[in-house]
């Protein structure tokens, strides 16, 4: 099981990423764009994900993923129970969400420095 501290460790090592608190919730941003966020109790992580693919993700693994609350459905956003994933999957979700927020040159440099 991964924790909020694991999310922080991965998110804050990414270029241009920083943590902010909004209404007692940790949010991870690039500029003003949030790419990941933790619930207040740090059991759920919301993360950026393409709108057109999220229904398939949730339907394919409903024990892991769920849609955000109705007010957040307009965003590219999905939620995951941290207890349902391992550290490799967490890294993939956080890095992919971050990638949606950064310029292509930043992503290219990251790939060069961290071959997958």
PDB file of N, CA and C in Angstrom:
ATOM      1  N   UNK A   1       0.838  -1.184   0.000  1.00  0.00           N
ATOM      2  CA  UNK A   1       0.000   0.000   0.000  1.00  0.00           C
ATOM      3  C   UNK A   1       0.886   1.251   0.000  1.00  0.00           C
ATOM      4  N   UNK A   2       0.498   2.219  -0.775  1.00  0.00           N
ATOM      5  CA  UNK A   2       1.239   3.484  -0.816  1.00  0.00           C
ATOM      6  C   UNK A   2       0.528   4.519   0.060  1.00  0.00           C
ATOM      7  N   UNK A   3       1.254   5.575   0.392  1.00  0.00           N
ATOM      8  CA  UNK A   3       0.731   6.600   1.296  1.00  0.00           C
ATOM      9  C   UNK A   3       0.843   7.985   0.660  1.00  0.00           C
ATOM     10  N   UNK A   4       0.299   8.962   1.356  1.00  0.00           N
ATOM     11  CA  UNK A   4       0.430  10.345   0.923  1.00  0.00           C
ATOM     12  C   UNK A   4       1.882  10.776   0.844  1.00  0.00           C
ATOM     13  N   UNK A   5       2.713  10.268   1.736  1.00  0.00           N
ATOM     14  CA  UNK A   5       4.147  10.596   1.688  1.00  0.00           C
ATOM     15  C   UNK A   5       4.800  10.066   0.419  1.00  0.00           C
ATOM     16  N   UNK A   6       4.343   8.898  -0.050  1.00  0.00           N
ATOM     17  CA  UNK A   6       4.864   8.362  -1.315  1.00  0.00           C
ATOM     18  C   UNK A   6       4.471   9.261  -2.483  1.00  0.00           C
ATOM     19  N   UNK A   7       3.242   9.767  -2.450  1.00  0.00           N
ATOM     20  CA  UNK A   7       2.787  10.696  -3.488  1.00  0.00           C
ATOM     21  C   UNK A   7       3.673  11.936  -3.479  1.00  0.00           C
ATOM     22  N   UNK A   8       3.909  12.503  -2.309  1.00  0.00           N
ATOM     23  CA  UNK A   8       4.755  13.697  -2.192  1.00  0.00           C
ATOM     24  C   UNK A   8       6.152  13.452  -2.747  1.00  0.00           C
ATOM     25  N   UNK A   9       6.718  12.322  -2.375  1.00  0.00           N
ATOM     26  CA  UNK A   9       8.078  12.012  -2.813  1.00  0.00           C
ATOM     27  C   UNK A   9       8.174  11.991  -4.332  1.00  0.00           C
ATOM     28  N   UNK A  10       7.238  11.353  -4.982  1.00  0.00           N
ATOM     29  CA  UNK A  10       7.256  11.265  -6.448  1.00  0.00           C
ATOM     30  C   UNK A  10       6.945  12.617  -7.074  1.00  0.00           C
ATOM     31  N   UNK A  11       5.867  13.251  -6.621  1.00  0.00           N
ATOM     32  CA  UNK A  11       5.421  14.502  -7.237  1.00  0.00           C
ATOM     33  C   UNK A  11       6.461  15.609  -7.115  1.00  0.00           C
ATOM     34  N   UNK A  12       7.081  15.716  -5.954  1.00  0.00           N
ATOM     35  CA  UNK A  12       7.977  16.848  -5.727  1.00  0.00           C
ATOM     36  C   UNK A  12       9.356  16.673  -6.349  1.00  0.00           C
ATOM     37  N   UNK A  13       9.640  15.496  -6.885  1.00  0.00           N
ATOM     38  CA  UNK A  13      10.897  15.323  -7.616  1.00  0.00           C
ATOM     39  C   UNK A  13      10.748  15.717  -9.087  1.00  0.00           C
ATOM     40  N   UNK A  14       9.530  15.985  -9.518  1.00  0.00           N
ATOM     41  CA  UNK A  14       9.280  16.325 -10.918  1.00  0.00           C
ATOM     42  C   UNK A  14       9.581  17.804 -11.172  1.00  0.00           C
ATOM     43  N   UNK A  15      10.208  18.108 -12.303  1.00  0.00           N
ATOM     44  CA  UNK A  15      10.517  19.505 -12.615  1.00  0.00           C
ATOM     45  C   UNK A  15       9.275  20.396 -12.615  1.00  0.00           C
ATOM     46  N   UNK A  16       9.426  21.568 -12.040  1.00  0.00           N
ATOM     47  CA  UNK A  16       8.400  22.607 -11.966  1.00  0.00           C
ATOM     48  C   UNK A  16       7.241  22.289 -11.026  1.00  0.00           C
ATOM     49  N   UNK A  17       7.258  21.143 -10.377  1.00  0.00           N
ATOM     50  CA  UNK A  17       6.156  20.751  -9.495  1.00  0.00           C
ATOM     51  C   UNK A  17       6.370  21.312  -8.091  1.00  0.00           C
ATOM     52  N   UNK A  18       5.270  21.662  -7.448  1.00  0.00           N
ATOM     53  CA  UNK A  18       5.321  22.103  -6.062  1.00  0.00           C
ATOM     54  C   UNK A  18       4.025  21.713  -5.369  1.00  0.00           C
ATOM     55  N   UNK A  19       4.054  21.746  -4.054  1.00  0.00           N
ATOM     56  CA  UNK A  19       2.892  21.392  -3.247  1.00  0.00           C
ATOM     57  C   UNK A  19       2.262  22.648  -2.680  1.00  0.00           C
ATOM     58  N   UNK A  20       0.945  22.669  -2.675  1.00  0.00           N
ATOM     59  CA  UNK A  20       0.193  23.754  -2.048  1.00  0.00           C
ATOM     60  C   UNK A  20      -0.944  23.118  -1.256  1.00  0.00           C
ATOM     61  N   UNK A  21      -1.438  23.849  -0.261  1.00  0.00           N
ATOM     62  CA  UNK A  21      -2.585  23.367   0.506  1.00  0.00           C
ATOM     63  C   UNK A  21      -3.776  24.260   0.210  1.00  0.00           C
ATOM     64  N   UNK A  22      -4.895  23.614  -0.132  1.00  0.00           N
ATOM     65  CA  UNK A  22      -6.151  24.304  -0.382  1.00  0.00           C
ATOM     66  C   UNK A  22      -7.208  23.606   0.470  1.00  0.00           C
ATOM     67  N   UNK A  23      -7.801  24.340   1.389  1.00  0.00           N
ATOM     68  CA  UNK A  23      -8.798  23.778   2.306  1.00  0.00           C
ATOM     69  C   UNK A  23      -8.285  22.504   2.979  1.00  0.00           C
ATOM     70  N   UNK A  24      -7.075  22.579   3.484  1.00  0.00           N
ATOM     71  CA  UNK A  24      -6.440  21.472   4.213  1.00  0.00           C
ATOM     72  C   UNK A  24      -6.175  20.231   3.363  1.00  0.00           C
ATOM     73  N   UNK A  25      -6.129  20.394   2.048  1.00  0.00           N
ATOM     74  CA  UNK A  25      -5.831  19.264   1.154  1.00  0.00           C
ATOM     75  C   UNK A  25      -4.555  19.563   0.392  1.00  0.00           C
ATOM     76  N   UNK A  26      -3.661  18.583   0.333  1.00  0.00           N
ATOM     77  CA  UNK A  26      -2.418  18.736  -0.429  1.00  0.00           C
ATOM     78  C   UNK A  26      -2.724  18.643  -1.917  1.00  0.00           C
ATOM     79  N   UNK A  27      -2.253  19.633  -2.646  1.00  0.00           N
ATOM     80  CA  UNK A  27      -2.406  19.669  -4.104  1.00  0.00           C
ATOM     81  C   UNK A  27      -1.019  19.818  -4.694  1.00  0.00           C
ATOM     82  N   UNK A  28      -0.785  19.139  -5.796  1.00  0.00           N
ATOM     83  CA  UNK A  28       0.507  19.185  -6.475  1.00  0.00           C
ATOM     84  C   UNK A  28       0.293  19.867  -7.816  1.00  0.00           C
ATOM     85  N   UNK A  29       1.084  20.901  -8.052  1.00  0.00           N
ATOM     86  CA  UNK A  29       0.842  21.783  -9.185  1.00  0.00           C
ATOM     87  C   UNK A  29       2.079  21.990 -10.033  1.00  0.00           C
ATOM     88  N   UNK A  30       1.800  22.390 -11.262  1.00  0.00           N
ATOM     89  CA  UNK A  30       2.779  22.992 -12.168  1.00  0.00           C
ATOM     90  C   UNK A  30       2.152  24.329 -12.527  1.00  0.00           C
ATOM     91  N   UNK A  31       2.794  25.404 -12.124  1.00  0.00           N
ATOM     92  CA  UNK A  31       2.155  26.710 -12.288  1.00  0.00           C
ATOM     93  C   UNK A  31       0.875  26.718 -11.466  1.00  0.00           C
ATOM     94  N   UNK A  32      -0.246  27.032 -12.104  1.00  0.00           N
ATOM     95  CA  UNK A  32      -1.533  27.037 -11.400  1.00  0.00           C
ATOM     96  C   UNK A  32      -2.350  25.780 -11.685  1.00  0.00           C
ATOM     97  N   UNK A  33      -1.799  24.870 -12.489  1.00  0.00           N
ATOM     98  CA  UNK A  33      -2.522  23.658 -12.878  1.00  0.00           C
ATOM     99  C   UNK A  33      -2.242  22.539 -11.869  1.00  0.00           C
ATOM    100  N   UNK A  34      -3.297  21.978 -11.317  1.00  0.00           N
ATOM    101  CA  UNK A  34      -3.189  20.865 -10.370  1.00  0.00           C
ATOM    102  C   UNK A  34      -3.125  19.560 -11.173  1.00  0.00           C
ATOM    103  N   UNK A  35      -2.091  18.767 -10.913  1.00  0.00           N
ATOM    104  CA  UNK A  35      -1.990  17.478 -11.601  1.00  0.00           C
ATOM    105  C   UNK A  35      -2.282  16.297 -10.668  1.00  0.00           C
ATOM    106  N   UNK A  36      -2.252  16.521  -9.374  1.00  0.00           N
ATOM    107  CA  UNK A  36      -2.608  15.477  -8.400  1.00  0.00           C
ATOM    108  C   UNK A  36      -3.021  16.151  -7.099  1.00  0.00           C
ATOM    109  N   UNK A  37      -3.857  15.463  -6.339  1.00  0.00           N
ATOM    110  CA  UNK A  37      -4.314  15.995  -5.051  1.00  0.00           C
ATOM    111  C   UNK A  37      -4.654  14.840  -4.133  1.00  0.00           C
ATOM    112  N   UNK A  38      -4.472  15.065  -2.859  1.00  0.00           N
ATOM    113  CA  UNK A  38      -4.799  14.059  -1.848  1.00  0.00           C
ATOM    114  C   UNK A  38      -6.062  14.454  -1.096  1.00  0.00           C
ATOM    115  N   UNK A  39      -6.839  13.455  -0.700  1.00  0.00           N
ATOM    116  CA  UNK A  39      -7.988  13.715   0.161  1.00  0.00           C
ATOM    117  C   UNK A  39      -7.470  14.158   1.534  1.00  0.00           C
ATOM    118  N   UNK A  40      -8.331  14.720   2.329  1.00  0.00           N
ATOM    119  CA  UNK A  40      -7.898  15.187   3.653  1.00  0.00           C
ATOM    120  C   UNK A  40      -7.275  14.074   4.488  1.00  0.00           C
ATOM    121  N   UNK A  41      -7.828  12.870   4.401  1.00  0.00           N
ATOM    122  CA  UNK A  41      -7.288  11.749   5.180  1.00  0.00           C
ATOM    123  C   UNK A  41      -6.178  11.002   4.434  1.00  0.00           C
ATOM    124  N   UNK A  42      -5.851  11.470   3.249  1.00  0.00           N
ATOM    125  CA  UNK A  42      -4.772  10.926   2.408  1.00  0.00           C
ATOM    126  C   UNK A  42      -4.970   9.451   2.055  1.00  0.00           C
ATOM    127  N   UNK A  43      -6.221   9.045   1.878  1.00  0.00           N
ATOM    128  CA  UNK A  43      -6.508   7.682   1.431  1.00  0.00           C
ATOM    129  C   UNK A  43      -6.851   7.629  -0.053  1.00  0.00           C
ATOM    130  N   UNK A  44      -7.167   8.785  -0.632  1.00  0.00           N
ATOM    131  CA  UNK A  44      -7.551   8.877  -2.038  1.00  0.00           C
ATOM    132  C   UNK A  44      -6.694   9.940  -2.712  1.00  0.00           C
ATOM    133  N   UNK A  45      -6.265   9.633  -3.932  1.00  0.00           N
ATOM    134  CA  UNK A  45      -5.545  10.613  -4.734  1.00  0.00           C
ATOM    135  C   UNK A  45      -6.353  10.883  -6.004  1.00  0.00           C
ATOM    136  N   UNK A  46      -6.607  12.155  -6.276  1.00  0.00           N
ATOM    137  CA  UNK A  46      -7.165  12.555  -7.550  1.00  0.00           C
ATOM    138  C   UNK A  46      -5.993  12.903  -8.456  1.00  0.00           C
ATOM    139  N   UNK A  47      -6.129  12.632  -9.741  1.00  0.00           N
ATOM    140  CA  UNK A  47      -5.028  12.898 -10.659  1.00  0.00           C
ATOM    141  C   UNK A  47      -5.550  13.211 -12.052  1.00  0.00           C
ATOM    142  N   UNK A  48      -4.754  13.955 -12.800  1.00  0.00           N
ATOM    143  CA  UNK A  48      -5.116  14.299 -14.161  1.00  0.00           C
ATOM    144  C   UNK A  48      -5.136  13.065 -15.042  1.00  0.00           C
ATOM    145  N   UNK A  49      -6.168  12.983 -15.879  1.00  0.00           N
ATOM    146  CA  UNK A  49      -6.325  11.841 -16.779  1.00  0.00           C
ATOM    147  C   UNK A  49      -7.235  12.291 -17.915  1.00  0.00           C
ATOM    148  N   UNK A  50      -6.968  11.867 -19.143  1.00  0.00           N
ATOM    149  CA  UNK A  50      -7.798  12.321 -20.269  1.00  0.00           C
ATOM    150  C   UNK A  50      -9.282  11.981 -20.080  1.00  0.00           C
ATOM    151  N   UNK A  51     -10.143  12.981 -20.266  1.00  0.00           N
ATOM    152  CA  UNK A  51     -11.581  12.798 -20.078  1.00  0.00           C
ATOM    153  C   UNK A  51     -12.130  11.643 -20.905  1.00  0.00           C
ATOM    154  N   UNK A  52     -11.684  11.562 -22.141  1.00  0.00           N
ATOM    155  CA  UNK A  52     -12.235  10.566 -23.058  1.00  0.00           C
ATOM    156  C   UNK A  52     -11.842   9.133 -22.690  1.00  0.00           C
ATOM    157  N   UNK A  53     -10.897   8.958 -21.795  1.00  0.00           N
ATOM    158  CA  UNK A  53     -10.438   7.621 -21.416  1.00  0.00           C
ATOM    159  C   UNK A  53     -10.821   7.226 -19.988  1.00  0.00           C
ATOM    160  N   UNK A  54     -11.337   8.153 -19.204  1.00  0.00           N
ATOM    161  CA  UNK A  54     -11.538   7.853 -17.793  1.00  0.00           C
ATOM    162  C   UNK A  54     -12.655   6.851 -17.533  1.00  0.00           C
ATOM    163  N   UNK A  55     -13.722   6.865 -18.312  1.00  0.00           N
ATOM    164  CA  UNK A  55     -14.805   5.897 -18.088  1.00  0.00           C
ATOM    165  C   UNK A  55     -14.296   4.471 -18.271  1.00  0.00           C
ATOM    166  N   UNK A  56     -13.455   4.259 -19.255  1.00  0.00           N
ATOM    167  CA  UNK A  56     -12.884   2.931 -19.494  1.00  0.00           C
ATOM    168  C   UNK A  56     -11.960   2.523 -18.352  1.00  0.00           C
ATOM    169  N   UNK A  57     -11.177   3.467 -17.835  1.00  0.00           N
ATOM    170  CA  UNK A  57     -10.283   3.170 -16.715  1.00  0.00           C
ATOM    171  C   UNK A  57     -11.082   2.733 -15.499  1.00  0.00           C
ATOM    172  N   UNK A  58     -12.112   3.484 -15.171  1.00  0.00           N
ATOM    173  CA  UNK A  58     -12.942   3.174 -14.001  1.00  0.00           C
ATOM    174  C   UNK A  58     -13.689   1.860 -14.205  1.00  0.00           C
ATOM    175  N   UNK A  59     -14.250   1.650 -15.386  1.00  0.00           N
ATOM    176  CA  UNK A  59     -14.988   0.417 -15.661  1.00  0.00           C
ATOM    177  C   UNK A  59     -14.069  -0.805 -15.635  1.00  0.00           C
ATOM    178  N   UNK A  60     -12.841  -0.626 -16.079  1.00  0.00           N
ATOM    179  CA  UNK A  60     -11.894  -1.735 -16.138  1.00  0.00           C
ATOM    180  C   UNK A  60     -11.368  -2.163 -14.780  1.00  0.00           C
ATOM    181  N   UNK A  61     -11.266  -1.227 -13.837  1.00  0.00           N
ATOM    182  CA  UNK A  61     -10.739  -1.551 -12.501  1.00  0.00           C
ATOM    183  C   UNK A  61     -11.487  -0.761 -11.418  1.00  0.00           C
ATOM    184  N   UNK A  62     -12.777  -1.076 -11.239  1.00  0.00           N
ATOM    185  CA  UNK A  62     -13.580  -0.302 -10.277  1.00  0.00           C
ATOM    186  C   UNK A  62     -13.140  -0.467  -8.816  1.00  0.00           C
ATOM    187  N   UNK A  63     -12.353  -1.478  -8.511  1.00  0.00           N
ATOM    188  CA  UNK A  63     -11.854  -1.638  -7.145  1.00  0.00           C
ATOM    189  C   UNK A  63     -10.710  -0.668  -6.858  1.00  0.00           C
ATOM    190  N   UNK A  64     -10.131  -0.094  -7.910  1.00  0.00           N
ATOM    191  CA  UNK A  64      -9.029   0.863  -7.757  1.00  0.00           C
ATOM    192  C   UNK A  64      -9.472   2.297  -8.018  1.00  0.00           C
ATOM    193  N   UNK A  65     -10.177   2.495  -9.112  1.00  0.00           N
ATOM    194  CA  UNK A  65     -10.459   3.839  -9.607  1.00  0.00           C
ATOM    195  C   UNK A  65     -11.924   4.203  -9.478  1.00  0.00           C
ATOM    196  N   UNK A  66     -12.176   5.497  -9.304  1.00  0.00           N
ATOM    197  CA  UNK A  66     -13.546   6.005  -9.319  1.00  0.00           C
ATOM    198  C   UNK A  66     -13.543   7.425  -9.887  1.00  0.00           C
ATOM    199  N   UNK A  67     -14.703   7.808 -10.373  1.00  0.00           N
ATOM    200  CA  UNK A  67     -14.851   9.154 -10.932  1.00  0.00           C
ATOM    201  C   UNK A  67     -14.862  10.176  -9.799  1.00  0.00           C
ATOM    202  N   UNK A  68     -14.471  11.401 -10.104  1.00  0.00           N
ATOM    203  CA  UNK A  68     -14.504  12.446  -9.074  1.00  0.00           C
ATOM    204  C   UNK A  68     -15.943  12.865  -8.786  1.00  0.00           C
ATOM    205  N   UNK A  69     -16.097  13.692  -7.775  1.00  0.00           N
ATOM    206  CA  UNK A  69     -17.431  14.198  -7.466  1.00  0.00           C
ATOM    207  C   UNK A  69     -17.974  14.975  -8.670  1.00  0.00           C
ATOM    208  N   UNK A  70     -19.254  15.158  -8.707  1.00  0.00           N
ATOM    209  CA  UNK A  70     -19.931  15.764  -9.861  1.00  0.00           C
ATOM    210  C   UNK A  70     -19.352  17.130 -10.236  1.00  0.00           C
ATOM    211  N   UNK A  71     -18.988  17.932  -9.258  1.00  0.00           N
ATOM    212  CA  UNK A  71     -18.471  19.271  -9.556  1.00  0.00           C
ATOM    213  C   UNK A  71     -17.093  19.241 -10.231  1.00  0.00           C
ATOM    214  N   UNK A  72     -16.383  18.117 -10.150  1.00  0.00           N
ATOM    215  CA  UNK A  72     -15.066  18.001 -10.780  1.00  0.00           C
ATOM    216  C   UNK A  72     -15.097  17.237 -12.103  1.00  0.00           C
ATOM    217  N   UNK A  73     -16.275  16.817 -12.547  1.00  0.00           N
ATOM    218  CA  UNK A  73     -16.375  16.043 -13.788  1.00  0.00           C
ATOM    219  C   UNK A  73     -15.983  16.859 -15.023  1.00  0.00           C
ATOM    220  N   UNK A  74     -16.001  18.170 -14.923  1.00  0.00           N
ATOM    221  CA  UNK A  74     -15.618  18.992 -16.077  1.00  0.00           C
ATOM    222  C   UNK A  74     -14.110  18.982 -16.302  1.00  0.00           C
ATOM    223  N   UNK A  75     -13.354  18.524 -15.320  1.00  0.00           N
ATOM    224  CA  UNK A  75     -11.900  18.487 -15.431  1.00  0.00           C
ATOM    225  C   UNK A  75     -11.418  17.131 -15.923  1.00  0.00           C
ATOM    226  N   UNK A  76     -10.183  17.090 -16.383  1.00  0.00           N
ATOM    227  CA  UNK A  76      -9.517  15.831 -16.729  1.00  0.00           C
ATOM    228  C   UNK A  76      -9.072  15.198 -15.414  1.00  0.00           C
ATOM    229  N   UNK A  77      -9.933  14.438 -14.776  1.00  0.00           N
ATOM    230  CA  UNK A  77      -9.665  14.008 -13.413  1.00  0.00           C
ATOM    231  C   UNK A  77     -10.257  12.640 -13.130  1.00  0.00           C
ATOM    232  N   UNK A  78      -9.520  11.812 -12.407  1.00  0.00           N
ATOM    233  CA  UNK A  78      -9.964  10.507 -11.920  1.00  0.00           C
ATOM    234  C   UNK A  78      -9.411  10.361 -10.508  1.00  0.00           C
ATOM    235  N   UNK A  79      -9.996   9.482  -9.714  1.00  0.00           N
ATOM    236  CA  UNK A  79      -9.521   9.243  -8.352  1.00  0.00           C
ATOM    237  C   UNK A  79      -9.128   7.778  -8.182  1.00  0.00           C
ATOM    238  N   UNK A  80      -8.175   7.550  -7.283  1.00  0.00           N
ATOM    239  CA  UNK A  80      -7.711   6.190  -6.992  1.00  0.00           C
ATOM    240  C   UNK A  80      -7.580   6.023  -5.483  1.00  0.00           C
ATOM    241  N   UNK A  81      -7.967   4.846  -4.989  1.00  0.00           N
ATOM    242  CA  UNK A  81      -7.740   4.518  -3.587  1.00  0.00           C
ATOM    243  C   UNK A  81      -6.282   4.094  -3.457  1.00  0.00           C
ATOM    244  N   UNK A  82      -5.524   4.801  -2.642  1.00  0.00           N
ATOM    245  CA  UNK A  82      -4.101   4.505  -2.498  1.00  0.00           C
ATOM    246  C   UNK A  82      -3.858   3.093  -1.982  1.00  0.00           C
ATOM    247  N   UNK A  83      -4.771   2.555  -1.206  1.00  0.00           N
ATOM    248  CA  UNK A  83      -4.613   1.200  -0.676  1.00  0.00           C
ATOM    249  C   UNK A  83      -4.688   0.124  -1.763  1.00  0.00           C
ATOM    250  N   UNK A  84      -5.163   0.502  -2.944  1.00  0.00           N
ATOM    251  CA  UNK A  84      -5.369  -0.470  -4.019  1.00  0.00           C
ATOM    252  C   UNK A  84      -4.230  -0.519  -5.038  1.00  0.00           C
ATOM    253  N   UNK A  85      -3.217   0.339  -4.877  1.00  0.00           N
ATOM    254  CA  UNK A  85      -2.140   0.365  -5.867  1.00  0.00           C
ATOM    255  C   UNK A  85      -0.781   0.197  -5.187  1.00  0.00           C
ATOM    256  N   UNK A  86       0.210  -0.144  -6.025  1.00  0.00           N
ATOM    257  CA  UNK A  86       1.575  -0.268  -5.505  1.00  0.00           C
ATOM    258  C   UNK A  86       2.394   0.945  -5.952  1.00  0.00           C
ATOM    259  N   UNK A  87       3.635   0.997  -5.534  1.00  0.00           N
ATOM    260  CA  UNK A  87       4.471   2.176  -5.806  1.00  0.00           C
ATOM    261  C   UNK A  87       4.758   2.363  -7.291  1.00  0.00           C
ATOM    262  N   UNK A  88       4.885   1.285  -8.048  1.00  0.00           N
ATOM    263  CA  UNK A  88       5.127   1.423  -9.486  1.00  0.00           C
ATOM    264  C   UNK A  88       3.926   2.051 -10.189  1.00  0.00           C
ATOM    265  N   UNK A  89       2.737   1.599  -9.821  1.00  0.00           N
ATOM    266  CA  UNK A  89       1.533   2.162 -10.431  1.00  0.00           C
ATOM    267  C   UNK A  89       1.346   3.615 -10.002  1.00  0.00           C
ATOM    268  N   UNK A  90       1.645   3.909  -8.747  1.00  0.00           N
ATOM    269  CA  UNK A  90       1.560   5.285  -8.269  1.00  0.00           C
ATOM    270  C   UNK A  90       2.476   6.184  -9.090  1.00  0.00           C
ATOM    271  N   UNK A  91       3.717   5.768  -9.277  1.00  0.00           N
ATOM    272  CA  UNK A  91       4.666   6.572 -10.054  1.00  0.00           C
ATOM    273  C   UNK A  91       4.134   6.817 -11.465  1.00  0.00           C
ATOM    274  N   UNK A  92       3.606   5.787 -12.086  1.00  0.00           N
ATOM    275  CA  UNK A  92       3.078   5.933 -13.443  1.00  0.00           C
ATOM    276  C   UNK A  92       1.923   6.940 -13.484  1.00  0.00           C
ATOM    277  N   UNK A  93       1.000   6.853 -12.539  1.00  0.00           N
ATOM    278  CA  UNK A  93      -0.149   7.763 -12.516  1.00  0.00           C
ATOM    279  C   UNK A  93       0.282   9.210 -12.283  1.00  0.00           C
ATOM    280  N   UNK A  94       1.182   9.418 -11.324  1.00  0.00           N
ATOM    281  CA  UNK A  94       1.616  10.780 -10.998  1.00  0.00           C
ATOM    282  C   UNK A  94       2.414  11.381 -12.145  1.00  0.00           C
ATOM    283  N   UNK A  95       3.345  10.635 -12.700  1.00  0.00           N
ATOM    284  CA  UNK A  95       4.174  11.164 -13.801  1.00  0.00           C
ATOM    285  C   UNK A  95       3.314  11.445 -15.032  1.00  0.00           C
ATOM    286  N   UNK A  96       2.391  10.555 -15.355  1.00  0.00           N
ATOM    287  CA  UNK A  96       1.516  10.802 -16.513  1.00  0.00           C
ATOM    288  C   UNK A  96       0.629  12.028 -16.306  1.00  0.00           C
ATOM    289  N   UNK A  97       0.135  12.226 -15.088  1.00  0.00           N
ATOM    290  CA  UNK A  97      -0.689  13.412 -14.796  1.00  0.00           C
ATOM    291  C   UNK A  97       0.161  14.672 -14.912  1.00  0.00           C
ATOM    292  N   UNK A  98       1.371  14.624 -14.380  1.00  0.00           N
ATOM    293  CA  UNK A  98       2.300  15.772 -14.460  1.00  0.00           C
ATOM    294  C   UNK A  98       2.618  16.099 -15.921  1.00  0.00           C
ATOM    295  N   UNK A  99       2.808  15.051 -16.712  1.00  0.00           N
ATOM    296  CA  UNK A  99       3.162  15.238 -18.127  1.00  0.00           C
ATOM    297  C   UNK A  99       2.086  16.037 -18.881  1.00  0.00           C
ATOM    298  N   UNK A 100       0.843  15.908 -18.465  1.00  0.00           N
ATOM    299  CA  UNK A 100      -0.246  16.644 -19.105  1.00  0.00           C
ATOM    300  C   UNK A 100      -0.137  18.147 -18.865  1.00  0.00           C
ATOM    301  N   UNK A 101       0.661  18.571 -17.877  1.00  0.00           N
ATOM    302  CA  UNK A 101       0.724  19.969 -17.454  1.00  0.00           C
ATOM    303  C   UNK A 101       1.984  20.711 -17.890  1.00  0.00           C
ATOM    304  N   UNK A 102       2.992  19.990 -18.321  1.00  0.00           N
ATOM    305  CA  UNK A 102       4.267  20.646 -18.624  1.00  0.00           C
ATOM    306  C   UNK A 102       4.474  20.767 -20.128  1.00  0.00           C
ATOM    307  N   UNK A 103       5.289  21.730 -20.536  1.00  0.00           N
ATOM    308  CA  UNK A 103       5.619  21.843 -21.955  1.00  0.00           C
ATOM    309  C   UNK A 103       6.340  20.587 -22.459  1.00  0.00           C
ATOM    310  N   UNK A 104       6.202  20.326 -23.740  1.00  0.00           N
ATOM    311  CA  UNK A 104       6.812  19.134 -24.335  1.00  0.00           C
ATOM    312  C   UNK A 104       8.313  19.081 -24.101  1.00  0.00           C
ATOM    313  N   UNK A 105       8.981  20.237 -24.110  1.00  0.00           N
ATOM    314  CA  UNK A 105      10.438  20.232 -23.915  1.00  0.00           C
ATOM    315  C   UNK A 105      10.804  19.782 -22.498  1.00  0.00           C
ATOM    316  N   UNK A 106       9.978  20.099 -21.510  1.00  0.00           N
ATOM    317  CA  UNK A 106      10.228  19.661 -20.140  1.00  0.00           C
ATOM    318  C   UNK A 106      10.049  18.146 -20.048  1.00  0.00           C
ATOM    319  N   UNK A 107       9.006  17.631 -20.685  1.00  0.00           N
ATOM    320  CA  UNK A 107       8.769  16.190 -20.708  1.00  0.00           C
ATOM    321  C   UNK A 107       9.916  15.481 -21.432  1.00  0.00           C
ATOM    322  N   UNK A 108      10.363  16.025 -22.546  1.00  0.00           N
ATOM    323  CA  UNK A 108      11.468  15.413 -23.302  1.00  0.00           C
ATOM    324  C   UNK A 108      12.745  15.366 -22.459  1.00  0.00           C
ATOM    325  N   UNK A 109      13.020  16.430 -21.732  1.00  0.00           N
ATOM    326  CA  UNK A 109      14.206  16.456 -20.874  1.00  0.00           C
ATOM    327  C   UNK A 109      14.074  15.442 -19.744  1.00  0.00           C
ATOM    328  N   UNK A 110      12.887  15.322 -19.187  1.00  0.00           N
ATOM    329  CA  UNK A 110      12.655  14.339 -18.126  1.00  0.00           C
ATOM    330  C   UNK A 110      12.911  12.931 -18.649  1.00  0.00           C
ATOM    331  N   UNK A 111      12.410  12.626 -19.835  1.00  0.00           N
ATOM    332  CA  UNK A 111      12.628  11.293 -20.432  1.00  0.00           C
ATOM    333  C   UNK A 111      14.107  11.035 -20.675  1.00  0.00           C
ATOM    334  N   UNK A 112      14.812  12.064 -21.095  1.00  0.00           N
ATOM    335  CA  UNK A 112      16.237  11.911 -21.326  1.00  0.00           C
ATOM    336  C   UNK A 112      16.968  11.610 -20.008  1.00  0.00           C
ATOM    337  N   UNK A 113      16.573  12.287 -18.945  1.00  0.00           N
ATOM    338  CA  UNK A 113      17.218  12.100 -17.650  1.00  0.00           C
ATOM    339  C   UNK A 113      16.735  10.841 -16.899  1.00  0.00           C
ATOM    340  N   UNK A 114      15.522  10.373 -17.229  1.00  0.00           N
ATOM    341  CA  UNK A 114      14.918   9.226 -16.554  1.00  0.00           C
ATOM    342  C   UNK A 114      14.354   8.252 -17.590  1.00  0.00           C
ATOM    343  N   UNK A 115      15.202   7.531 -18.299  1.00  0.00           N
ATOM    344  CA  UNK A 115      14.682   6.599 -19.324  1.00  0.00           C
ATOM    345  C   UNK A 115      13.718   5.588 -18.699  1.00  0.00           C
ATOM    346  N   UNK A 116      12.658   5.323 -19.419  1.00  0.00           N
ATOM    347  CA  UNK A 116      11.639   4.405 -18.886  1.00  0.00           C
ATOM    348  C   UNK A 116      11.847   3.000 -19.377  1.00  0.00           C
TER     349      UNK A 116
END
